[in-house]
N, C-alpha and C. Protein backbone atom coordinates (compact mmCIF):
# COMPACT_ATOMS: atom_id res chain seq x y z
N MET A 1 -13.06 38.24 46.46
CA MET A 1 -11.97 37.79 47.31
C MET A 1 -12.42 37.54 48.74
N ASP A 2 -13.63 37.91 49.08
CA ASP A 2 -14.11 37.68 50.44
C ASP A 2 -14.02 36.21 50.83
N ARG A 3 -14.28 35.34 49.88
CA ARG A 3 -14.24 33.91 50.21
C ARG A 3 -12.83 33.49 50.59
N TYR A 4 -11.84 34.10 49.94
CA TYR A 4 -10.45 33.75 50.20
C TYR A 4 -10.04 34.20 51.59
N PHE A 5 -10.50 35.38 52.01
CA PHE A 5 -10.13 35.90 53.32
C PHE A 5 -11.07 35.45 54.43
N GLY A 6 -12.06 34.64 54.08
CA GLY A 6 -12.89 34.04 55.12
C GLY A 6 -14.06 34.88 55.58
N HIS A 7 -14.44 35.90 54.82
CA HIS A 7 -15.54 36.77 55.24
C HIS A 7 -16.82 36.53 54.46
N ILE A 8 -16.89 35.46 53.69
CA ILE A 8 -18.04 35.25 52.82
C ILE A 8 -19.32 35.03 53.61
N ASP A 9 -19.24 34.41 54.79
CA ASP A 9 -20.44 34.16 55.58
C ASP A 9 -21.13 35.46 55.95
N VAL A 10 -20.33 36.45 56.34
CA VAL A 10 -20.89 37.76 56.69
C VAL A 10 -21.50 38.42 55.46
N SER A 11 -20.81 38.35 54.34
CA SER A 11 -21.30 38.98 53.11
C SER A 11 -22.61 38.36 52.65
N VAL A 12 -22.68 37.03 52.64
CA VAL A 12 -23.89 36.35 52.19
C VAL A 12 -25.05 36.62 53.14
N THR A 13 -24.78 36.59 54.45
CA THR A 13 -25.84 36.87 55.42
C THR A 13 -26.37 38.28 55.28
N SER A 14 -25.47 39.24 55.13
CA SER A 14 -25.88 40.64 54.97
C SER A 14 -26.68 40.83 53.69
N ALA A 15 -26.22 40.22 52.60
CA ALA A 15 -26.93 40.34 51.33
C ALA A 15 -28.31 39.71 51.42
N ALA A 16 -28.40 38.55 52.08
CA ALA A 16 -29.70 37.89 52.24
C ALA A 16 -30.65 38.75 53.06
N PHE A 17 -30.13 39.42 54.08
CA PHE A 17 -30.97 40.30 54.91
C PHE A 17 -31.49 41.47 54.07
N VAL A 18 -30.63 42.08 53.26
CA VAL A 18 -31.05 43.22 52.44
C VAL A 18 -32.12 42.77 51.43
N VAL A 19 -31.91 41.61 50.81
CA VAL A 19 -32.88 41.09 49.84
C VAL A 19 -34.21 40.81 50.52
N ALA A 20 -34.17 40.21 51.71
CA ALA A 20 -35.41 39.90 52.44
C ALA A 20 -36.16 41.16 52.80
N MET A 21 -35.46 42.18 53.27
CA MET A 21 -36.11 43.44 53.64
C MET A 21 -36.73 44.12 52.42
N ALA A 22 -36.02 44.07 51.29
CA ALA A 22 -36.54 44.69 50.06
C ALA A 22 -37.82 44.00 49.62
N LEU A 23 -37.88 42.68 49.74
CA LEU A 23 -39.07 41.95 49.34
C LEU A 23 -40.23 42.22 50.30
N LEU A 24 -39.94 42.31 51.60
CA LEU A 24 -40.99 42.54 52.59
C LEU A 24 -41.58 43.95 52.49
N LEU A 25 -40.76 44.90 52.07
CA LEU A 25 -41.21 46.30 52.01
C LEU A 25 -41.79 46.69 50.66
N GLN A 26 -41.76 45.77 49.69
CA GLN A 26 -42.30 46.12 48.38
C GLN A 26 -43.83 46.17 48.44
N SER A 27 -44.40 46.85 47.48
CA SER A 27 -45.86 46.95 47.44
C SER A 27 -46.46 45.61 47.02
N GLY A 28 -47.69 45.37 47.43
CA GLY A 28 -48.34 44.11 47.11
C GLY A 28 -48.09 43.07 48.19
N ASN A 29 -48.32 41.81 47.84
CA ASN A 29 -48.14 40.72 48.78
C ASN A 29 -46.92 39.88 48.39
N PRO A 30 -45.81 40.10 49.09
CA PRO A 30 -44.62 39.29 48.75
C PRO A 30 -44.86 37.82 49.06
N ARG A 31 -44.27 36.96 48.24
CA ARG A 31 -44.43 35.52 48.41
C ARG A 31 -43.13 34.90 48.89
N PHE A 32 -43.28 33.81 49.61
CA PHE A 32 -42.09 33.11 50.11
C PHE A 32 -41.24 32.59 48.97
N ALA A 33 -41.88 32.23 47.85
CA ALA A 33 -41.14 31.72 46.70
C ALA A 33 -40.16 32.77 46.18
N GLN A 34 -40.55 34.05 46.27
CA GLN A 34 -39.64 35.12 45.84
C GLN A 34 -38.41 35.17 46.74
N LEU A 35 -38.64 35.05 48.04
CA LEU A 35 -37.53 35.10 48.99
C LEU A 35 -36.60 33.90 48.81
N SER A 36 -37.18 32.71 48.70
CA SER A 36 -36.35 31.51 48.59
C SER A 36 -35.54 31.52 47.30
N SER A 37 -36.13 31.96 46.20
CA SER A 37 -35.40 31.99 44.94
C SER A 37 -34.31 33.05 44.96
N ALA A 38 -34.56 34.19 45.63
CA ALA A 38 -33.56 35.25 45.71
C ALA A 38 -32.37 34.80 46.56
N VAL A 39 -32.65 34.16 47.69
CA VAL A 39 -31.57 33.68 48.56
C VAL A 39 -30.78 32.56 47.86
N PHE A 40 -31.49 31.69 47.15
CA PHE A 40 -30.79 30.65 46.40
C PHE A 40 -29.89 31.27 45.33
N GLY A 41 -30.35 32.35 44.72
CA GLY A 41 -29.53 33.03 43.73
C GLY A 41 -28.23 33.54 44.31
N LEU A 42 -28.28 34.05 45.56
CA LEU A 42 -27.05 34.50 46.22
C LEU A 42 -26.09 33.33 46.44
N PHE A 43 -26.66 32.22 46.87
CA PHE A 43 -25.84 31.02 47.11
C PHE A 43 -25.29 30.46 45.81
N TYR A 44 -26.13 30.40 44.79
CA TYR A 44 -25.78 29.75 43.53
C TYR A 44 -24.81 30.59 42.71
N CYS A 45 -25.10 31.87 42.57
CA CYS A 45 -24.29 32.73 41.71
C CYS A 45 -23.21 33.50 42.45
N GLY A 46 -23.31 33.56 43.79
CA GLY A 46 -22.35 34.33 44.56
C GLY A 46 -21.41 33.49 45.40
N TYR A 47 -21.97 32.62 46.21
CA TYR A 47 -21.17 31.85 47.16
C TYR A 47 -20.37 30.73 46.50
N LEU A 48 -21.04 29.88 45.73
CA LEU A 48 -20.37 28.69 45.18
C LEU A 48 -19.20 29.02 44.24
N PRO A 49 -19.35 29.97 43.29
CA PRO A 49 -18.22 30.25 42.40
C PRO A 49 -16.98 30.76 43.12
N CYS A 50 -17.15 31.34 44.32
CA CYS A 50 -16.00 31.86 45.05
C CYS A 50 -15.03 30.76 45.48
N PHE A 51 -15.49 29.51 45.47
CA PHE A 51 -14.60 28.42 45.86
C PHE A 51 -13.49 28.21 44.83
N TRP A 52 -13.68 28.68 43.61
CA TRP A 52 -12.58 28.60 42.63
C TRP A 52 -11.43 29.49 43.06
N ILE A 53 -11.74 30.63 43.67
CA ILE A 53 -10.68 31.50 44.22
C ILE A 53 -9.99 30.79 45.38
N LYS A 54 -10.81 30.16 46.23
CA LYS A 54 -10.26 29.43 47.36
C LYS A 54 -9.39 28.27 46.90
N LEU A 55 -9.82 27.57 45.87
CA LEU A 55 -9.05 26.45 45.34
C LEU A 55 -7.72 26.93 44.77
N ARG A 56 -7.76 28.01 43.99
CA ARG A 56 -6.54 28.51 43.34
C ARG A 56 -5.59 29.19 44.32
N CYS A 57 -6.12 30.02 45.21
CA CYS A 57 -5.26 30.84 46.08
C CYS A 57 -5.11 30.27 47.50
N GLY A 58 -6.08 29.49 47.93
CA GLY A 58 -6.06 29.03 49.31
C GLY A 58 -5.18 27.82 49.55
N LEU A 59 -4.87 27.06 48.50
CA LEU A 59 -4.00 25.88 48.64
C LEU A 59 -2.61 26.25 48.14
N ALA A 60 -1.91 27.00 48.96
CA ALA A 60 -0.65 27.60 48.54
C ALA A 60 0.56 26.70 48.76
N ALA A 61 0.35 25.45 49.19
CA ALA A 61 1.47 24.53 49.36
C ALA A 61 2.13 24.28 48.02
N PRO A 62 3.47 24.26 47.97
CA PRO A 62 4.16 24.04 46.68
C PRO A 62 3.91 22.65 46.13
N ALA A 63 3.69 22.56 44.83
CA ALA A 63 3.53 21.26 44.17
C ALA A 63 4.94 20.74 43.88
N LEU A 64 5.52 20.10 44.87
CA LEU A 64 6.94 19.77 44.85
C LEU A 64 7.35 18.86 43.70
N ASN A 65 6.46 17.98 43.29
CA ASN A 65 6.83 16.98 42.29
C ASN A 65 6.57 17.40 40.86
N THR A 66 5.99 18.58 40.66
CA THR A 66 5.66 19.02 39.32
C THR A 66 6.90 19.42 38.55
N LYS A 67 7.25 18.63 37.56
CA LYS A 67 8.49 18.87 36.80
C LYS A 67 8.42 20.17 36.01
N ILE A 68 7.22 20.56 35.57
CA ILE A 68 7.08 21.80 34.81
C ILE A 68 7.55 22.98 35.65
N GLY A 69 7.26 22.92 36.96
CA GLY A 69 7.64 24.01 37.84
C GLY A 69 9.13 24.24 37.91
N GLU A 70 9.90 23.18 37.71
CA GLU A 70 11.36 23.30 37.81
C GLU A 70 11.95 24.13 36.68
N VAL A 71 11.29 24.15 35.56
CA VAL A 71 11.81 24.90 34.40
C VAL A 71 10.95 26.13 34.08
N TRP A 72 9.98 26.44 34.96
CA TRP A 72 9.11 27.58 34.70
C TRP A 72 9.90 28.88 34.83
N PRO A 73 9.82 29.79 33.85
CA PRO A 73 10.63 31.02 33.87
C PRO A 73 10.40 31.87 35.11
N ILE A 74 11.48 32.48 35.58
CA ILE A 74 11.42 33.33 36.77
C ILE A 74 10.47 34.51 36.55
N PHE A 75 10.48 35.10 35.33
CA PHE A 75 9.64 36.28 35.08
C PHE A 75 8.16 35.93 35.03
N LEU A 76 7.83 34.63 35.01
CA LEU A 76 6.42 34.20 35.07
C LEU A 76 6.07 33.61 36.45
N GLY A 77 6.91 33.85 37.40
CA GLY A 77 6.62 33.39 38.77
C GLY A 77 7.58 32.35 39.28
N GLY A 78 8.29 31.68 38.37
CA GLY A 78 9.26 30.69 38.78
C GLY A 78 8.64 29.48 39.47
N ARG A 79 9.49 28.74 40.19
CA ARG A 79 9.08 27.50 40.84
C ARG A 79 7.95 27.74 41.84
N ALA A 80 8.00 28.88 42.53
CA ALA A 80 6.99 29.16 43.56
C ALA A 80 5.59 29.32 42.98
N HIS A 81 5.50 29.57 41.69
CA HIS A 81 4.20 29.76 41.05
C HIS A 81 3.40 28.46 41.03
N TRP A 82 4.09 27.32 41.02
CA TRP A 82 3.41 26.03 40.89
C TRP A 82 3.03 25.50 42.26
N THR A 83 1.83 25.85 42.65
CA THR A 83 1.28 25.42 43.94
C THR A 83 0.25 24.32 43.71
N VAL A 84 -0.13 23.68 44.80
CA VAL A 84 -1.19 22.67 44.73
C VAL A 84 -2.47 23.30 44.18
N GLY A 85 -2.74 24.53 44.60
CA GLY A 85 -3.95 25.21 44.14
C GLY A 85 -3.98 25.40 42.63
N LEU A 86 -2.84 25.80 42.05
CA LEU A 86 -2.78 26.00 40.60
C LEU A 86 -2.96 24.68 39.87
N VAL A 87 -2.24 23.65 40.30
CA VAL A 87 -2.31 22.35 39.62
C VAL A 87 -3.71 21.76 39.75
N ALA A 88 -4.30 21.83 40.94
CA ALA A 88 -5.64 21.29 41.15
C ALA A 88 -6.66 22.03 40.29
N THR A 89 -6.50 23.34 40.16
CA THR A 89 -7.42 24.13 39.33
C THR A 89 -7.30 23.76 37.86
N LEU A 90 -6.07 23.63 37.37
CA LEU A 90 -5.86 23.25 35.98
C LEU A 90 -6.45 21.88 35.67
N ILE A 91 -6.22 20.92 36.58
CA ILE A 91 -6.74 19.58 36.36
C ILE A 91 -8.25 19.56 36.43
N SER A 92 -8.82 20.29 37.39
CA SER A 92 -10.27 20.31 37.56
C SER A 92 -10.97 20.90 36.34
N ILE A 93 -10.47 22.04 35.86
CA ILE A 93 -11.07 22.69 34.69
C ILE A 93 -10.94 21.80 33.45
N SER A 94 -9.76 21.20 33.28
CA SER A 94 -9.54 20.32 32.13
C SER A 94 -10.47 19.11 32.17
N SER A 95 -10.69 18.57 33.37
CA SER A 95 -11.55 17.39 33.49
C SER A 95 -13.01 17.73 33.23
N ILE A 96 -13.43 18.94 33.58
CA ILE A 96 -14.80 19.37 33.30
C ILE A 96 -15.01 19.50 31.79
N ILE A 97 -14.04 20.10 31.11
CA ILE A 97 -14.12 20.21 29.66
C ILE A 97 -14.19 18.83 29.02
N ALA A 98 -13.36 17.90 29.52
CA ALA A 98 -13.36 16.54 29.00
C ALA A 98 -14.69 15.86 29.26
N ALA A 99 -15.24 16.05 30.46
CA ALA A 99 -16.53 15.42 30.80
C ALA A 99 -17.63 15.90 29.87
N ASP A 100 -17.70 17.21 29.64
CA ASP A 100 -18.72 17.75 28.75
C ASP A 100 -18.54 17.25 27.32
N THR A 101 -17.29 17.21 26.86
CA THR A 101 -17.01 16.80 25.48
C THR A 101 -17.35 15.33 25.26
N TYR A 102 -16.86 14.47 26.16
CA TYR A 102 -17.10 13.04 26.00
C TYR A 102 -18.57 12.69 26.20
N ALA A 103 -19.24 13.40 27.10
CA ALA A 103 -20.67 13.15 27.32
C ALA A 103 -21.47 13.51 26.07
N PHE A 104 -21.11 14.62 25.45
CA PHE A 104 -21.80 15.03 24.22
C PHE A 104 -21.57 14.01 23.09
N LEU A 105 -20.31 13.63 22.89
CA LEU A 105 -19.99 12.70 21.82
C LEU A 105 -20.58 11.31 22.09
N GLY A 106 -20.47 10.86 23.35
CA GLY A 106 -21.01 9.56 23.70
C GLY A 106 -22.52 9.52 23.59
N GLY A 107 -23.18 10.60 24.04
CA GLY A 107 -24.63 10.65 23.96
C GLY A 107 -25.12 10.73 22.54
N LYS A 108 -24.41 11.50 21.71
CA LYS A 108 -24.83 11.65 20.31
C LYS A 108 -24.63 10.36 19.53
N THR A 109 -23.60 9.60 19.88
CA THR A 109 -23.28 8.38 19.14
C THR A 109 -24.03 7.16 19.66
N PHE A 110 -24.09 7.03 20.98
CA PHE A 110 -24.65 5.80 21.57
C PHE A 110 -25.89 6.03 22.41
N GLY A 111 -26.29 7.29 22.59
CA GLY A 111 -27.37 7.61 23.52
C GLY A 111 -28.70 6.97 23.17
N ARG A 112 -29.23 6.21 24.10
CA ARG A 112 -30.53 5.57 23.93
C ARG A 112 -31.41 5.71 25.18
N THR A 113 -30.79 5.64 26.36
CA THR A 113 -31.54 5.60 27.61
C THR A 113 -31.54 6.96 28.29
N PRO A 114 -32.71 7.62 28.43
CA PRO A 114 -32.75 8.95 29.07
C PRO A 114 -32.23 8.89 30.51
N LEU A 115 -31.45 9.89 30.87
CA LEU A 115 -30.89 9.95 32.22
C LEU A 115 -31.90 10.46 33.23
N THR A 116 -32.62 11.53 32.88
CA THR A 116 -33.60 12.12 33.78
C THR A 116 -34.59 12.96 32.98
N ALA A 117 -35.78 13.11 33.52
CA ALA A 117 -36.81 13.91 32.84
C ALA A 117 -36.48 15.40 32.86
N ILE A 118 -35.60 15.82 33.76
CA ILE A 118 -35.24 17.23 33.85
C ILE A 118 -34.57 17.70 32.57
N SER A 119 -33.73 16.83 32.00
CA SER A 119 -33.03 17.17 30.76
C SER A 119 -33.12 15.97 29.82
N PRO A 120 -34.17 15.92 29.00
CA PRO A 120 -34.44 14.74 28.15
C PRO A 120 -33.31 14.37 27.20
N LYS A 121 -32.47 15.33 26.80
CA LYS A 121 -31.41 15.03 25.84
C LYS A 121 -30.24 14.28 26.47
N LYS A 122 -30.15 14.30 27.79
CA LYS A 122 -29.05 13.61 28.45
C LYS A 122 -29.38 12.11 28.61
N THR A 123 -28.39 11.29 28.34
CA THR A 123 -28.60 9.84 28.39
C THR A 123 -27.57 9.19 29.32
N TRP A 124 -27.90 7.97 29.74
CA TRP A 124 -26.97 7.21 30.57
C TRP A 124 -25.69 6.90 29.80
N GLU A 125 -25.83 6.62 28.53
CA GLU A 125 -24.66 6.32 27.72
C GLU A 125 -23.71 7.52 27.65
N GLY A 126 -24.31 8.70 27.47
CA GLY A 126 -23.50 9.91 27.44
C GLY A 126 -22.83 10.18 28.78
N ALA A 127 -23.59 9.93 29.87
CA ALA A 127 -23.04 10.16 31.21
C ALA A 127 -21.86 9.22 31.47
N ILE A 128 -21.99 7.97 31.07
CA ILE A 128 -20.91 7.00 31.28
C ILE A 128 -19.67 7.40 30.47
N ALA A 129 -19.90 7.84 29.23
CA ALA A 129 -18.78 8.30 28.40
C ALA A 129 -18.12 9.52 29.03
N GLY A 130 -18.93 10.44 29.55
CA GLY A 130 -18.38 11.63 30.21
C GLY A 130 -17.58 11.28 31.45
N LEU A 131 -18.08 10.32 32.23
CA LEU A 131 -17.37 9.88 33.43
C LEU A 131 -16.03 9.27 33.05
N GLY A 132 -16.04 8.39 32.04
CA GLY A 132 -14.79 7.76 31.62
C GLY A 132 -13.79 8.78 31.11
N GLY A 133 -14.25 9.74 30.30
CA GLY A 133 -13.36 10.77 29.77
C GLY A 133 -12.81 11.67 30.86
N CYS A 134 -13.64 11.97 31.84
CA CYS A 134 -13.22 12.84 32.95
C CYS A 134 -12.14 12.17 33.79
N ILE A 135 -12.37 10.92 34.18
CA ILE A 135 -11.40 10.20 35.00
C ILE A 135 -10.11 9.96 34.23
N ALA A 136 -10.22 9.60 32.94
CA ALA A 136 -9.03 9.37 32.11
C ALA A 136 -8.19 10.64 32.00
N THR A 137 -8.85 11.79 31.88
CA THR A 137 -8.13 13.07 31.78
C THR A 137 -7.39 13.38 33.06
N VAL A 138 -8.04 13.16 34.20
CA VAL A 138 -7.38 13.41 35.48
C VAL A 138 -6.20 12.48 35.68
N LEU A 139 -6.37 11.20 35.33
CA LEU A 139 -5.27 10.24 35.48
C LEU A 139 -4.09 10.62 34.59
N MET A 140 -4.38 11.06 33.37
CA MET A 140 -3.31 11.45 32.46
C MET A 140 -2.58 12.68 32.96
N LEU A 141 -3.34 13.70 33.38
CA LEU A 141 -2.72 14.93 33.86
C LEU A 141 -2.00 14.72 35.19
N SER A 142 -2.50 13.78 36.00
CA SER A 142 -1.82 13.51 37.26
C SER A 142 -0.43 12.92 37.02
N LYS A 143 -0.28 12.19 35.91
CA LYS A 143 1.03 11.65 35.53
C LYS A 143 1.94 12.76 35.02
N VAL A 144 1.36 13.66 34.21
CA VAL A 144 2.15 14.75 33.63
C VAL A 144 2.58 15.75 34.70
N LEU A 145 1.65 16.12 35.59
CA LEU A 145 1.90 17.14 36.59
C LEU A 145 2.32 16.56 37.95
N CYS A 146 2.32 15.23 38.05
CA CYS A 146 2.74 14.55 39.28
C CYS A 146 1.92 14.98 40.49
N TRP A 147 0.64 15.19 40.27
CA TRP A 147 -0.30 15.51 41.35
C TRP A 147 -1.70 15.07 40.94
N PRO A 148 -2.45 14.44 41.85
CA PRO A 148 -1.96 13.87 43.12
C PRO A 148 -1.09 12.65 42.86
N THR A 149 -0.25 12.31 43.81
CA THR A 149 0.71 11.23 43.61
C THR A 149 0.06 9.86 43.63
N SER A 150 -1.10 9.75 44.25
CA SER A 150 -1.81 8.46 44.32
C SER A 150 -2.80 8.33 43.17
N LEU A 151 -2.76 7.20 42.48
CA LEU A 151 -3.70 6.96 41.38
C LEU A 151 -5.13 6.87 41.91
N LEU A 152 -5.28 6.31 43.10
CA LEU A 152 -6.61 6.21 43.70
C LEU A 152 -7.18 7.60 43.97
N SER A 153 -6.35 8.49 44.47
CA SER A 153 -6.79 9.87 44.73
C SER A 153 -7.13 10.58 43.42
N ALA A 154 -6.32 10.34 42.39
CA ALA A 154 -6.59 10.96 41.09
C ALA A 154 -7.91 10.47 40.52
N GLY A 155 -8.17 9.16 40.63
CA GLY A 155 -9.44 8.62 40.15
C GLY A 155 -10.62 9.19 40.91
N ALA A 156 -10.48 9.31 42.23
CA ALA A 156 -11.55 9.87 43.06
C ALA A 156 -11.77 11.34 42.72
N PHE A 157 -10.70 12.07 42.45
CA PHE A 157 -10.80 13.48 42.07
C PHE A 157 -11.54 13.63 40.75
N GLY A 158 -11.24 12.73 39.80
CA GLY A 158 -11.93 12.76 38.52
C GLY A 158 -13.41 12.45 38.67
N PHE A 159 -13.73 11.45 39.49
CA PHE A 159 -15.12 11.10 39.73
C PHE A 159 -15.88 12.27 40.36
N LEU A 160 -15.26 12.92 41.33
CA LEU A 160 -15.90 14.04 42.00
C LEU A 160 -16.12 15.21 41.05
N ASN A 161 -15.14 15.49 40.21
CA ASN A 161 -15.30 16.57 39.23
C ASN A 161 -16.45 16.27 38.26
N PHE A 162 -16.55 15.02 37.86
CA PHE A 162 -17.65 14.66 36.95
C PHE A 162 -19.00 14.84 37.63
N MET A 163 -19.12 14.39 38.88
CA MET A 163 -20.39 14.52 39.59
C MET A 163 -20.76 15.99 39.79
N GLY A 164 -19.79 16.82 40.10
CA GLY A 164 -20.06 18.25 40.24
C GLY A 164 -20.49 18.86 38.93
N SER A 165 -19.84 18.46 37.84
CA SER A 165 -20.18 18.96 36.51
C SER A 165 -21.60 18.55 36.12
N LEU A 166 -21.91 17.27 36.30
CA LEU A 166 -23.24 16.77 35.94
C LEU A 166 -24.33 17.40 36.80
N PHE A 167 -24.08 17.48 38.10
CA PHE A 167 -25.06 18.04 39.02
C PHE A 167 -25.34 19.51 38.70
N GLY A 168 -24.28 20.27 38.42
CA GLY A 168 -24.45 21.67 38.06
C GLY A 168 -25.25 21.84 36.78
N ASP A 169 -25.00 20.97 35.81
CA ASP A 169 -25.73 21.01 34.54
C ASP A 169 -27.21 20.71 34.76
N LEU A 170 -27.50 19.71 35.59
CA LEU A 170 -28.90 19.33 35.83
C LEU A 170 -29.64 20.39 36.64
N ILE A 171 -28.96 21.00 37.59
CA ILE A 171 -29.59 22.07 38.38
C ILE A 171 -29.97 23.23 37.48
N GLU A 172 -29.05 23.60 36.57
CA GLU A 172 -29.35 24.70 35.66
C GLU A 172 -30.50 24.34 34.73
N SER A 173 -30.57 23.08 34.30
CA SER A 173 -31.68 22.63 33.46
C SER A 173 -33.00 22.72 34.23
N MET A 174 -32.97 22.38 35.51
CA MET A 174 -34.17 22.46 36.33
C MET A 174 -34.64 23.90 36.50
N ILE A 175 -33.68 24.82 36.66
CA ILE A 175 -34.02 26.24 36.79
C ILE A 175 -34.69 26.74 35.51
N LYS A 176 -34.11 26.39 34.36
CA LYS A 176 -34.69 26.82 33.07
C LYS A 176 -36.05 26.19 32.84
N ARG A 177 -36.19 24.93 33.24
CA ARG A 177 -37.47 24.24 33.06
C ARG A 177 -38.55 24.90 33.91
N ASP A 178 -38.18 25.26 35.13
CA ASP A 178 -39.14 25.92 36.02
C ASP A 178 -39.52 27.30 35.49
N ALA A 179 -38.56 27.98 34.85
CA ALA A 179 -38.83 29.31 34.31
C ALA A 179 -39.50 29.25 32.94
N GLY A 180 -39.54 28.06 32.33
CA GLY A 180 -40.18 27.92 31.03
C GLY A 180 -39.39 28.50 29.88
N VAL A 181 -38.06 28.45 29.98
CA VAL A 181 -37.21 28.99 28.91
C VAL A 181 -36.26 27.90 28.43
N LYS A 182 -35.78 28.05 27.20
CA LYS A 182 -34.87 27.07 26.61
C LYS A 182 -33.42 27.35 26.99
N ASP A 183 -33.07 28.64 27.00
CA ASP A 183 -31.71 29.06 27.35
C ASP A 183 -31.76 30.06 28.49
N SER A 184 -30.64 30.21 29.20
CA SER A 184 -30.59 31.16 30.30
C SER A 184 -30.44 32.59 29.81
N GLY A 185 -30.13 32.77 28.53
CA GLY A 185 -29.98 34.10 27.95
C GLY A 185 -29.69 33.99 26.47
N SER A 186 -29.35 35.11 25.87
CA SER A 186 -29.07 35.13 24.43
C SER A 186 -27.76 35.86 24.13
N LEU A 187 -26.91 35.98 25.16
CA LEU A 187 -25.68 36.74 24.99
C LEU A 187 -24.72 36.08 23.99
N ILE A 188 -24.67 34.73 24.01
CA ILE A 188 -23.76 34.01 23.13
C ILE A 188 -24.58 33.33 22.04
N PRO A 189 -24.56 33.82 20.82
CA PRO A 189 -25.38 33.25 19.74
C PRO A 189 -25.12 31.76 19.55
N GLY A 190 -26.21 30.98 19.56
CA GLY A 190 -26.08 29.55 19.37
C GLY A 190 -25.77 28.76 20.63
N HIS A 191 -25.44 29.47 21.71
CA HIS A 191 -25.07 28.78 22.95
C HIS A 191 -25.92 29.22 24.15
N GLY A 192 -26.74 30.23 23.98
CA GLY A 192 -27.56 30.71 25.09
C GLY A 192 -26.84 31.77 25.90
N GLY A 193 -27.09 31.76 27.20
CA GLY A 193 -26.49 32.74 28.08
C GLY A 193 -25.21 32.23 28.73
N ILE A 194 -24.62 33.08 29.55
CA ILE A 194 -23.37 32.72 30.22
C ILE A 194 -23.58 31.51 31.12
N LEU A 195 -24.73 31.46 31.81
CA LEU A 195 -24.99 30.35 32.72
C LEU A 195 -25.03 29.01 32.00
N ASP A 196 -25.44 29.02 30.73
CA ASP A 196 -25.44 27.78 29.94
C ASP A 196 -24.03 27.27 29.71
N ARG A 197 -23.04 28.16 29.73
CA ARG A 197 -21.66 27.78 29.47
C ARG A 197 -20.90 27.43 30.75
N VAL A 198 -21.33 27.99 31.89
CA VAL A 198 -20.55 27.79 33.14
C VAL A 198 -21.27 26.94 34.16
N ASP A 199 -22.44 26.38 33.81
CA ASP A 199 -23.20 25.63 34.81
C ASP A 199 -22.43 24.44 35.37
N SER A 200 -21.56 23.84 34.56
CA SER A 200 -20.79 22.68 35.01
C SER A 200 -19.74 23.05 36.05
N TYR A 201 -19.44 24.35 36.15
CA TYR A 201 -18.38 24.79 37.07
C TYR A 201 -18.93 25.27 38.42
N ILE A 202 -20.25 25.47 38.51
CA ILE A 202 -20.83 26.11 39.69
C ILE A 202 -20.51 25.33 40.97
N PHE A 203 -20.78 24.03 40.98
CA PHE A 203 -20.58 23.22 42.18
C PHE A 203 -19.19 22.59 42.24
N THR A 204 -18.54 22.47 41.10
CA THR A 204 -17.31 21.69 41.04
C THR A 204 -16.18 22.33 41.84
N GLY A 205 -16.07 23.64 41.83
CA GLY A 205 -15.02 24.29 42.59
C GLY A 205 -15.10 23.99 44.07
N ALA A 206 -16.31 24.04 44.61
CA ALA A 206 -16.51 23.75 46.04
C ALA A 206 -16.17 22.29 46.35
N LEU A 207 -16.59 21.38 45.48
CA LEU A 207 -16.30 19.95 45.70
C LEU A 207 -14.80 19.68 45.60
N ALA A 208 -14.15 20.27 44.59
CA ALA A 208 -12.71 20.05 44.40
C ALA A 208 -11.92 20.58 45.59
N TYR A 209 -12.26 21.78 46.04
CA TYR A 209 -11.54 22.37 47.18
C TYR A 209 -11.74 21.54 48.44
N SER A 210 -12.98 21.14 48.70
CA SER A 210 -13.28 20.36 49.90
C SER A 210 -12.55 19.02 49.88
N PHE A 211 -12.49 18.40 48.70
CA PHE A 211 -11.82 17.10 48.57
C PHE A 211 -10.33 17.23 48.87
N VAL A 212 -9.67 18.21 48.25
CA VAL A 212 -8.23 18.38 48.46
C VAL A 212 -7.93 18.75 49.91
N LYS A 213 -8.75 19.65 50.44
CA LYS A 213 -8.52 20.15 51.79
C LYS A 213 -8.76 19.09 52.86
N ALA A 214 -9.81 18.29 52.69
CA ALA A 214 -10.23 17.38 53.76
C ALA A 214 -9.75 15.95 53.59
N PHE A 215 -9.55 15.50 52.36
CA PHE A 215 -9.32 14.08 52.15
C PHE A 215 -7.95 13.70 51.59
N LEU A 216 -7.17 14.67 51.13
CA LEU A 216 -5.85 14.34 50.59
C LEU A 216 -4.77 14.67 51.61
N PRO A 217 -4.11 13.66 52.17
CA PRO A 217 -3.01 13.93 53.11
C PRO A 217 -1.93 14.76 52.44
N LEU A 218 -1.46 15.80 53.15
CA LEU A 218 -0.45 16.71 52.61
C LEU A 218 -0.86 17.30 51.27
N TYR A 219 -2.20 17.48 51.10
CA TYR A 219 -2.76 18.06 49.87
C TYR A 219 -2.43 17.23 48.63
N GLY A 220 -2.14 15.95 48.81
CA GLY A 220 -1.89 15.07 47.67
C GLY A 220 -0.50 15.16 47.10
N VAL A 221 0.40 15.90 47.75
CA VAL A 221 1.78 16.07 47.24
C VAL A 221 2.56 14.78 47.45
């Protein structure tokens, strides 16, 4: 919750200082690569995911046009429960799922052209299918939930979610490639580790929050 209350900068700085001191005081010859990877880990696994809290709780403006909110039961929060933060979070998560699904299906069916050497299985065809599915999902949900009210804003939100999803996936692939491993763990049989399942969400929360906060007049209501 530190990110929500605005104290994350202090927390990250303090944690980075403790990590740096621990590395400097360890026996042997500490390397700069150890420090840089440790600090990146704080940013990657600690700082960025906190933006989902900021997106959900920090955008507390009521989603005035959401028809679902008008009939939402009082014992589940009532009309006040439907805020811009809640709607934006639901749309963002749904669009990420759609992007991953359509990219997989498109790549498996039509994939011919490799997207990048970092992840050889990813193709341009799959990426285009994922982009189309992501934007289509946001446009559809924007009609259902009446947010954002502008189709142009909804399309831009979908594009941004896709880019965050793809970028997070590629960064995680680069980390695994550098470490020489196929999966980030073995906690989930057949799927690898937790990071293999949530990599698409790492950067997307920060991008979604920044977009709504900085570029949507009246938060898109």
